[in-house]
Amino acid sequence: MDQKHDEHDELIRMEVKGLTNDPVSNTPIVILGRADGEAFLPIWIGLCEANAIALELESITTPRPMTHDLLAAVLRGARHTLERVTINALEDNVFRADLQFRGPGGASWSLDARPSDAIALALRTRAGIFATPDVLKKAQLRAAVDEDHAIRLVLECLRPEDLGKYKM
């Protein structure tokens, strides 16, 4: 079920605030925060994708291109741009994302993706990361006083039945 969002205005800009691990399942969690600091969106992801996100956040280059680096290079070579990533659905505890591309002739096209891959690619291409209001309503955690406390809040607000329930 691919949800299209033509109205850019209704989307909420997000930023990667950090990576952490689910203390029970030891599964990585990427934490997106609203650009205005009002709320946080934790998304359980795979280890390989967490590594790809961490490498880019820490500006670490690898001797050979990683998968997301390769895809970003292919896009550049084909003169396509990733305009934005939208976390657009949460169904049965599974997040979904949409990649919005623009080709050299101005044509726009999109692909369904896992949020973790979409975020890793967005970081490499400097594309905006957004979420729909519906996704935030279902899964956001309210902000703490500052960013350092926000990540702690994410973990403290989780109930035992929440941990490890998100499928990759």
C-alpha atoms as a PDB file:
ATOM      1  CA  MET A   1       0.000   0.000   0.000  1.00  0.00           C
ATOM      2  CA  ASP A   2       1.872   3.002  -1.287  1.00  0.00           C
ATOM      3  CA  GLN A   3       0.607   6.279   0.117  1.00  0.00           C
ATOM      4  CA  LYS A   4       1.415   9.268  -2.084  1.00  0.00           C
ATOM      5  CA  HIS A   5       1.735  12.714  -0.577  1.00  0.00           C
ATOM      6  CA  ASP A   6       1.705  15.394  -3.254  1.00  0.00           C
ATOM      7  CA  GLU A   7       1.345  18.205  -0.775  1.00  0.00           C
ATOM      8  CA  HIS A   8       4.880  18.846   0.469  1.00  0.00           C
ATOM      9  CA  ASP A   9       3.401  21.270   3.038  1.00  0.00           C
ATOM     10  CA  GLU A  10       1.696  18.524   5.043  1.00  0.00           C
ATOM     11  CA  LEU A  11       4.926  16.598   5.510  1.00  0.00           C
ATOM     12  CA  ILE A  12       6.962  17.141   8.672  1.00  0.00           C
ATOM     13  CA  ARG A  13      10.718  17.593   8.303  1.00  0.00           C
ATOM     14  CA  MET A  14      12.734  15.126  10.351  1.00  0.00           C
ATOM     15  CA  GLU A  15      16.419  14.836  11.226  1.00  0.00           C
ATOM     16  CA  VAL A  16      18.478  11.875  12.344  1.00  0.00           C
ATOM     17  CA  LYS A  17      19.114  12.530  16.032  1.00  0.00           C
ATOM     18  CA  GLY A  18      20.982   9.349  16.839  1.00  0.00           C
ATOM     19  CA  LEU A  19      21.277   5.604  16.922  1.00  0.00           C
ATOM     20  CA  THR A  20      20.782   3.391  19.940  1.00  0.00           C
ATOM     21  CA  ASN A  21      19.994  -0.247  20.714  1.00  0.00           C
ATOM     22  CA  ASP A  22      16.811  -1.785  22.036  1.00  0.00           C
ATOM     23  CA  PRO A  23      18.034  -2.981  25.468  1.00  0.00           C
ATOM     24  CA  VAL A  24      15.980  -6.195  25.339  1.00  0.00           C
ATOM     25  CA  SER A  25      16.432  -7.428  21.760  1.00  0.00           C
ATOM     26  CA  ASN A  26      19.703  -5.565  21.091  1.00  0.00           C
ATOM     27  CA  THR A  27      18.146  -4.387  17.821  1.00  0.00           C
ATOM     28  CA  PRO A  28      19.360  -1.007  16.519  1.00  0.00           C
ATOM     29  CA  ILE A  29      16.966   1.936  16.658  1.00  0.00           C
ATOM     30  CA  VAL A  30      17.384   5.062  14.551  1.00  0.00           C
ATOM     31  CA  ILE A  31      15.834   8.076  16.241  1.00  0.00           C
ATOM     32  CA  LEU A  32      14.381  10.738  13.987  1.00  0.00           C
ATOM     33  CA  GLY A  33      13.460  14.050  15.526  1.00  0.00           C
ATOM     34  CA  ARG A  34      11.184  16.746  14.222  1.00  0.00           C
ATOM     35  CA  ALA A  35      13.235  19.651  12.960  1.00  0.00           C
ATOM     36  CA  ASP A  36      11.288  21.891  15.370  1.00  0.00           C
ATOM     37  CA  GLY A  37      12.280  19.625  18.282  1.00  0.00           C
ATOM     38  CA  GLU A  38       8.691  18.830  19.247  1.00  0.00           C
ATOM     39  CA  ALA A  39       8.752  15.030  18.956  1.00  0.00           C
ATOM     40  CA  PHE A  40      10.872  11.974  18.203  1.00  0.00           C
ATOM     41  CA  LEU A  41      10.202   8.940  16.048  1.00  0.00           C
ATOM     42  CA  PRO A  42      12.060   5.710  16.958  1.00  0.00           C
ATOM     43  CA  ILE A  43      12.372   3.168  14.137  1.00  0.00           C
ATOM     44  CA  TRP A  44      13.774  -0.312  14.740  1.00  0.00           C
ATOM     45  CA  ILE A  45      16.229  -1.200  11.948  1.00  0.00           C
ATOM     46  CA  GLY A  46      18.691  -3.898  10.931  1.00  0.00           C
ATOM     47  CA  LEU A  47      22.335  -4.032  11.976  1.00  0.00           C
ATOM     48  CA  CYS A  48      23.703  -3.493   8.447  1.00  0.00           C
ATOM     49  CA  GLU A  49      21.516  -0.429   7.910  1.00  0.00           C
ATOM     50  CA  ALA A  50      22.461   0.943  11.339  1.00  0.00           C
ATOM     51  CA  ASN A  51      26.099   0.549  10.359  1.00  0.00           C
ATOM     52  CA  ALA A  52      25.484   2.356   7.052  1.00  0.00           C
ATOM     53  CA  ILE A  53      23.765   5.230   8.862  1.00  0.00           C
ATOM     54  CA  ALA A  54      26.482   5.410  11.541  1.00  0.00           C
ATOM     55  CA  LEU A  55      29.283   5.509   8.961  1.00  0.00           C
ATOM     56  CA  GLU A  56      27.673   8.494   7.235  1.00  0.00           C
ATOM     57  CA  LEU A  57      26.810  10.306  10.486  1.00  0.00           C
ATOM     58  CA  GLU A  58      30.425   9.958  11.599  1.00  0.00           C
ATOM     59  CA  SER A  59      31.817  10.863   8.125  1.00  0.00           C
ATOM     60  CA  ILE A  60      33.734   7.592   7.908  1.00  0.00           C
ATOM     61  CA  THR A  61      34.746   6.487   4.436  1.00  0.00           C
ATOM     62  CA  THR A  62      35.285   2.841   3.649  1.00  0.00           C
ATOM     63  CA  PRO A  63      37.970   1.516   1.295  1.00  0.00           C
ATOM     64  CA  ARG A  64      35.263   0.251  -1.073  1.00  0.00           C
ATOM     65  CA  PRO A  65      31.789   1.749  -1.575  1.00  0.00           C
ATOM     66  CA  MET A  66      29.016   0.380   0.584  1.00  0.00           C
ATOM     67  CA  THR A  67      25.640  -0.398  -1.030  1.00  0.00           C
ATOM     68  CA  HIS A  68      24.136   3.011  -0.226  1.00  0.00           C
ATOM     69  CA  ASP A  69      27.291   4.766  -1.474  1.00  0.00           C
ATOM     70  CA  LEU A  70      27.052   2.798  -4.711  1.00  0.00           C
ATOM     71  CA  LEU A  71      23.398   3.710  -5.208  1.00  0.00           C
ATOM     72  CA  ALA A  72      24.145   7.397  -4.559  1.00  0.00           C
ATOM     73  CA  ALA A  73      26.965   7.262  -7.147  1.00  0.00           C
ATOM     74  CA  VAL A  74      24.669   5.592  -9.698  1.00  0.00           C
ATOM     75  CA  LEU A  75      22.067   8.325  -9.175  1.00  0.00           C
ATOM     76  CA  ARG A  76      24.703  11.044  -9.661  1.00  0.00           C
ATOM     77  CA  GLY A  77      26.071   9.314 -12.750  1.00  0.00           C
ATOM     78  CA  ALA A  78      22.591   9.065 -14.262  1.00  0.00           C
ATOM     79  CA  ARG A  79      21.956  12.713 -13.335  1.00  0.00           C
ATOM     80  CA  HIS A  80      19.033  11.818 -11.080  1.00  0.00           C
ATOM     81  CA  THR A  81      18.512  13.303  -7.637  1.00  0.00           C
ATOM     82  CA  LEU A  82      16.839  11.957  -4.554  1.00  0.00           C
ATOM     83  CA  GLU A  83      14.635  14.882  -3.618  1.00  0.00           C
ATOM     84  CA  ARG A  84      13.204  13.539  -0.389  1.00  0.00           C
ATOM     85  CA  VAL A  85      12.467  10.508   1.716  1.00  0.00           C
ATOM     86  CA  THR A  86       9.088  10.238   3.390  1.00  0.00           C
ATOM     87  CA  ILE A  87       8.268   7.837   6.208  1.00  0.00           C
ATOM     88  CA  ASN A  88       4.712   7.418   4.988  1.00  0.00           C
ATOM     89  CA  ALA A  89       3.090   4.450   6.710  1.00  0.00           C
ATOM     90  CA  LEU A  90       3.091   2.292   9.817  1.00  0.00           C
ATOM     91  CA  GLU A  91       1.149  -0.905   9.201  1.00  0.00           C
ATOM     92  CA  ASP A  92       1.256  -3.950  11.476  1.00  0.00           C
ATOM     93  CA  ASN A  93       4.247  -2.440  13.302  1.00  0.00           C
ATOM     94  CA  VAL A  94       6.203  -2.100  10.042  1.00  0.00           C
ATOM     95  CA  PHE A  95       7.275   1.335   8.857  1.00  0.00           C
ATOM     96  CA  ARG A  96       7.295   2.120   5.135  1.00  0.00           C
ATOM     97  CA  ALA A  97       9.078   4.865   3.247  1.00  0.00           C
ATOM     98  CA  ASP A  98       8.838   6.502  -0.142  1.00  0.00           C
ATOM     99  CA  LEU A  99      11.847   7.723  -2.132  1.00  0.00           C
ATOM    100  CA  GLN A 100      11.022  10.692  -4.393  1.00  0.00           C
ATOM    101  CA  PHE A 101      13.422  11.112  -7.340  1.00  0.00           C
ATOM    102  CA  ARG A 102      13.806  13.666 -10.125  1.00  0.00           C
ATOM    103  CA  GLY A 103      15.400  12.822 -13.462  1.00  0.00           C
ATOM    104  CA  PRO A 104      17.485  15.068 -15.742  1.00  0.00           C
ATOM    105  CA  GLY A 105      14.432  16.017 -17.835  1.00  0.00           C
ATOM    106  CA  GLY A 106      12.481  17.006 -14.733  1.00  0.00           C
ATOM    107  CA  ALA A 107      10.429  13.836 -14.571  1.00  0.00           C
ATOM    108  CA  SER A 108       9.536  12.784 -11.035  1.00  0.00           C
ATOM    109  CA  TRP A 109       9.226   9.187  -9.873  1.00  0.00           C
ATOM    110  CA  SER A 110       9.076   7.312  -6.587  1.00  0.00           C
ATOM    111  CA  LEU A 111       9.939   3.946  -5.079  1.00  0.00           C
ATOM    112  CA  ASP A 112       8.802   2.122  -1.960  1.00  0.00           C
ATOM    113  CA  ALA A 113      11.656   1.417   0.474  1.00  0.00           C
ATOM    114  CA  ARG A 114      12.498   0.349   3.979  1.00  0.00           C
ATOM    115  CA  PRO A 115      12.973   3.459   6.122  1.00  0.00           C
ATOM    116  CA  SER A 116      16.465   2.349   7.152  1.00  0.00           C
ATOM    117  CA  ASP A 117      17.666   2.144   3.531  1.00  0.00           C
ATOM    118  CA  ALA A 118      15.860   5.369   2.676  1.00  0.00           C
ATOM    119  CA  ILE A 119      17.521   7.205   5.583  1.00  0.00           C
ATOM    120  CA  ALA A 120      20.984   5.836   4.733  1.00  0.00           C
ATOM    121  CA  LEU A 121      20.579   7.003   1.124  1.00  0.00           C
ATOM    122  CA  ALA A 122      19.122  10.382   2.136  1.00  0.00           C
ATOM    123  CA  LEU A 123      22.137  11.067   4.349  1.00  0.00           C
ATOM    124  CA  ARG A 124      24.505  10.333   1.456  1.00  0.00           C
ATOM    125  CA  THR A 125      22.620  12.489  -1.042  1.00  0.00           C
ATOM    126  CA  ARG A 126      21.700  15.258   1.407  1.00  0.00           C
ATOM    127  CA  ALA A 127      18.008  14.709   0.629  1.00  0.00           C
ATOM    128  CA  GLY A 128      15.362  15.839   3.082  1.00  0.00           C
ATOM    129  CA  ILE A 129      13.800  13.312   5.436  1.00  0.00           C
ATOM    130  CA  PHE A 130      10.102  13.748   6.201  1.00  0.00           C
ATOM    131  CA  ALA A 131       7.266  11.920   7.951  1.00  0.00           C
ATOM    132  CA  THR A 132       3.547  12.121   7.412  1.00  0.00           C
ATOM    133  CA  PRO A 133       1.359  13.479  10.206  1.00  0.00           C
ATOM    134  CA  ASP A 134      -0.381  10.083  10.404  1.00  0.00           C
ATOM    135  CA  VAL A 135       2.878   8.233  11.086  1.00  0.00           C
ATOM    136  CA  LEU A 136       3.876  10.749  13.742  1.00  0.00           C
ATOM    137  CA  LYS A 137       0.479  10.516  15.382  1.00  0.00           C
ATOM    138  CA  LYS A 138       0.835   6.731  15.621  1.00  0.00           C
ATOM    139  CA  ALA A 139       4.465   6.440  16.689  1.00  0.00           C
ATOM    140  CA  GLN A 140       6.010   9.679  17.947  1.00  0.00           C
ATOM    141  CA  LEU A 141       7.306  10.331  21.418  1.00  0.00           C
ATOM    142  CA  ARG A 142       7.052  13.848  22.800  1.00  0.00           C
ATOM    143  CA  ALA A 143      10.249  15.841  23.161  1.00  0.00           C
ATOM    144  CA  ALA A 144      12.190  16.309  26.333  1.00  0.00           C
ATOM    145  CA  VAL A 145      13.858  19.534  27.435  1.00  0.00           C
ATOM    146  CA  ASP A 146      16.892  19.001  25.198  1.00  0.00           C
ATOM    147  CA  GLU A 147      18.244  16.545  22.663  1.00  0.00           C
ATOM    148  CA  ASP A 148      20.423  14.550  25.088  1.00  0.00           C
ATOM    149  CA  HIS A 149      17.453  13.994  27.356  1.00  0.00           C
ATOM    150  CA  ALA A 150      15.246  13.158  24.370  1.00  0.00           C
ATOM    151  CA  ILE A 151      17.107   9.960  23.532  1.00  0.00           C
ATOM    152  CA  ARG A 152      16.912   8.925  27.177  1.00  0.00           C
ATOM    153  CA  LEU A 153      13.188   9.770  27.085  1.00  0.00           C
ATOM    154  CA  VAL A 154      12.710   7.503  24.074  1.00  0.00           C
ATOM    155  CA  LEU A 155      14.143   4.581  25.994  1.00  0.00           C
ATOM    156  CA  GLU A 156      12.381   5.441  29.257  1.00  0.00           C
ATOM    157  CA  CYS A 157       8.983   5.764  27.568  1.00  0.00           C
ATOM    158  CA  LEU A 158       9.188   2.351  25.973  1.00  0.00           C
ATOM    159  CA  ARG A 159       7.105  -0.310  27.622  1.00  0.00           C
ATOM    160  CA  PRO A 160       8.399  -3.911  27.735  1.00  0.00           C
ATOM    161  CA  GLU A 161       5.698  -4.953  25.268  1.00  0.00           C
ATOM    162  CA  ASP A 162       6.977  -2.275  22.805  1.00  0.00           C
ATOM    163  CA  LEU A 163      10.518  -3.569  22.722  1.00  0.00           C
ATOM    164  CA  GLY A 164      11.428  -5.827  19.874  1.00  0.00           C
ATOM    165  CA  LYS A 165       7.971  -5.727  18.309  1.00  0.00           C
ATOM    166  CA  TYR A 166       8.939  -3.932  15.102  1.00  0.00           C
ATOM    167  CA  LYS A 167       9.683  -6.199  12.168  1.00  0.00           C
ATOM    168  CA  MET A 168      12.580  -5.526   9.820  1.00  0.00           C
END
